[in-house]
Amino acid sequence: MIVEIKEIEHQEKYEINEKLVYKDQFGNWQCQCELSRTEKEAFKKFAKSWEDNNKEGFNGEAHNFH
């Protein structure tokens, strides 16, 4: 399964396969619908890349994870 992650607001809001994921007021990631295990794992890898690469943002680019 390919997981597409699109940045909406750097390190605050993303679309994961068209499902909105956002940080709440406590810094926890929330989604109004359930993410699949594959989607969760892909987002964890994606978020880790911020730390590893010190990214400034992806400017709305879509990223695919397998």
C-alpha atoms as a PDB file:
ATOM      1  CA  MET A   1       0.000   0.000   0.000  1.00  0.00           C
ATOM      2  CA  ILE A   2       1.311   3.429  -0.944  1.00  0.00           C
ATOM      3  CA  VAL A   3       0.774   6.149   1.649  1.00  0.00           C
ATOM      4  CA  GLU A   4       0.697   9.734   0.403  1.00  0.00           C
ATOM      5  CA  ILE A   5       1.527  12.426   2.942  1.00  0.00           C
ATOM      6  CA  LYS A   6       0.902  16.044   2.004  1.00  0.00           C
ATOM      7  CA  GLU A   7       1.909  18.963   4.185  1.00  0.00           C
ATOM      8  CA  ILE A   8      -0.845  21.473   4.933  1.00  0.00           C
ATOM      9  CA  GLU A   9       0.924  23.403   7.727  1.00  0.00           C
ATOM     10  CA  HIS A  10       4.542  22.543   8.638  1.00  0.00           C
ATOM     11  CA  GLN A  11       4.692  20.159  11.602  1.00  0.00           C
ATOM     12  CA  GLU A  12       1.069  20.984  12.495  1.00  0.00           C
ATOM     13  CA  LYS A  13      -1.318  19.658   9.786  1.00  0.00           C
ATOM     14  CA  TYR A  14      -0.960  16.943   7.156  1.00  0.00           C
ATOM     15  CA  GLU A  15      -3.142  14.889   4.864  1.00  0.00           C
ATOM     16  CA  ILE A  16      -2.396  11.192   4.959  1.00  0.00           C
ATOM     17  CA  ASN A  17      -4.183   9.523   2.043  1.00  0.00           C
ATOM     18  CA  GLU A  18      -6.638  12.449   2.141  1.00  0.00           C
ATOM     19  CA  LYS A  19      -7.274  12.062   5.909  1.00  0.00           C
ATOM     20  CA  LEU A  20      -6.545  15.224   7.887  1.00  0.00           C
ATOM     21  CA  VAL A  21      -4.065  14.744  10.742  1.00  0.00           C
ATOM     22  CA  TYR A  22      -3.285  17.657  13.047  1.00  0.00           C
ATOM     23  CA  LYS A  23      -1.672  18.519  16.380  1.00  0.00           C
ATOM     24  CA  ASP A  24      -4.098  19.360  19.153  1.00  0.00           C
ATOM     25  CA  GLN A  25      -3.531  22.012  21.842  1.00  0.00           C
ATOM     26  CA  PHE A  26      -1.509  19.495  23.885  1.00  0.00           C
ATOM     27  CA  GLY A  27       0.840  18.564  21.023  1.00  0.00           C
ATOM     28  CA  ASN A  28      -0.779  15.181  20.335  1.00  0.00           C
ATOM     29  CA  TRP A  29      -1.539  14.051  16.776  1.00  0.00           C
ATOM     30  CA  GLN A  30      -5.268  13.675  16.077  1.00  0.00           C
ATOM     31  CA  CYS A  31      -7.350  12.404  13.179  1.00  0.00           C
ATOM     32  CA  GLN A  32     -11.133  12.375  12.910  1.00  0.00           C
ATOM     33  CA  CYS A  33     -11.020   8.936  11.324  1.00  0.00           C
ATOM     34  CA  GLU A  34      -8.873   5.895  12.023  1.00  0.00           C
ATOM     35  CA  LEU A  35      -5.540   5.585  10.232  1.00  0.00           C
ATOM     36  CA  SER A  36      -4.479   2.145   9.077  1.00  0.00           C
ATOM     37  CA  ARG A  37      -1.413   0.546  10.611  1.00  0.00           C
ATOM     38  CA  THR A  38       0.492   1.222   7.378  1.00  0.00           C
ATOM     39  CA  GLU A  39      -0.523   4.898   7.427  1.00  0.00           C
ATOM     40  CA  LYS A  40       0.557   5.269  11.059  1.00  0.00           C
ATOM     41  CA  GLU A  41       3.942   3.649  10.391  1.00  0.00           C
ATOM     42  CA  ALA A  42       4.514   5.831   7.318  1.00  0.00           C
ATOM     43  CA  PHE A  43       3.687   8.991   9.269  1.00  0.00           C
ATOM     44  CA  LYS A  44       6.090   7.985  12.064  1.00  0.00           C
ATOM     45  CA  LYS A  45       8.883   7.565   9.475  1.00  0.00           C
ATOM     46  CA  PHE A  46       7.962  10.886   7.919  1.00  0.00           C
ATOM     47  CA  ALA A  47       7.971  12.702  11.282  1.00  0.00           C
ATOM     48  CA  LYS A  48      11.321  11.130  12.181  1.00  0.00           C
ATOM     49  CA  SER A  49      12.763  12.591   8.983  1.00  0.00           C
ATOM     50  CA  TRP A  50      12.139  16.087  10.441  1.00  0.00           C
ATOM     51  CA  GLU A  51      14.454  15.282  13.335  1.00  0.00           C
ATOM     52  CA  ASP A  52      17.050  13.442  11.259  1.00  0.00           C
ATOM     53  CA  ASN A  53      17.262  16.038   8.503  1.00  0.00           C
ATOM     54  CA  ASN A  54      16.208  19.201  10.350  1.00  0.00           C
ATOM     55  CA  LYS A  55      13.733  19.988   7.537  1.00  0.00           C
ATOM     56  CA  GLU A  56      12.329  23.489   7.298  1.00  0.00           C
ATOM     57  CA  GLY A  57       9.197  22.258   5.548  1.00  0.00           C
ATOM     58  CA  PHE A  58       8.092  20.545   2.403  1.00  0.00           C
ATOM     59  CA  ASN A  59       6.085  23.430   0.866  1.00  0.00           C
ATOM     60  CA  GLY A  60       2.937  21.420   0.240  1.00  0.00           C
ATOM     61  CA  GLU A  61       4.772  18.658  -1.627  1.00  0.00           C
ATOM     62  CA  ALA A  62       3.311  15.182  -1.520  1.00  0.00           C
ATOM     63  CA  HIS A  63       5.524  12.359  -0.291  1.00  0.00           C
ATOM     64  CA  ASN A  64       4.884   8.673  -0.926  1.00  0.00           C
ATOM     65  CA  PHE A  65       5.883   5.888   1.438  1.00  0.00           C
ATOM     66  CA  HIS A  66       5.616   2.158   0.753  1.00  0.00           C
END
